[in-house]
């Protein structure tokens, strides 16, 4: 844990925020003054964020560079990844790179390096939480966090797939699979213990990097909370808070998160993707941001999927 609470207290004490929710990183310069690089916030100071998993684009920096925090997939960006990440950092953005920590997809370039004995086997065959479901990632397999070799490989992948491109931190995805009902109950303690060992090792090996865990909201939360710098609540849909059948469930998750955050301070990000053809998009986005603000979460709304860039500012 990277002492987020102390940083946050310093932010408040020095009153760096004005009436707007964003710091003005580029104050107007007097004639003759030299331009200086924007001041980058810490993760605890982030008040806006963007997520994009698609390829690089000529106007990518202009479309998402106003955010305090940007989550990207360096491998999806392609050959220009390092340059684009450097440009985002020059604008003052913190940049986190995507890495799947439990699932291994067909397109992961390191899949061929994973021996069969590292995969999580259930009923005599490699387990996939998506088997038989109509999703494009139904062929994803799961590498066992109980396998020391996979944990050590993941520690290396943090460098080669994320930090080596210049990212400041890691967006850790698919750890939430440990909470899937299809994972045998007898297997869950082994995987949670492997997760605990992995996160502790990442703390030790990469003390200057920050780590964001995606959707580790239930049984994984007590394990993750001790080590992460931020938690992302994906699929943060207002309908689940507003509909009576699901409201208590969502509010229960929120209370559990707050209890863990009281013990191990971390930032909470909320994330919602809407279909481009969805009805009442502005109202849904506004309600999502309203609920996020009431809980102290930092919201991000994407439109049309995670590989679609947002419009240019002002459009």
Foldseek 3Di string as FASTA:
>chain_A
DQPLVVVLVVCVVVVQDDPDLDHPQFPDDDPPDDGDQGAADDPSSFQAEEFFEAEDDPCQCLQGLVGSEYEYFLVRNPPCSLVSVVVSVSNRHAYAHEDELWKDAPPDPCPVVDDPVQADDDPHHFDFLQDPHPDPRNVIGTGALLDPVSLVVVLVCCCVRTVVSPHQAYEYPDPLVLVRPVPDPVCSVSRLVSVLVSLVVNCVVCVRHAYEYEPCQPPNCLSCLQRHQEYEDEQLWVCLCVDVVRNVVVVVSLVVNVVSCVVRPHAYEYEHEEEQPDPPVVVRVVSSVVVCVVSRHRYDYHYHDNNDGDDRPPD
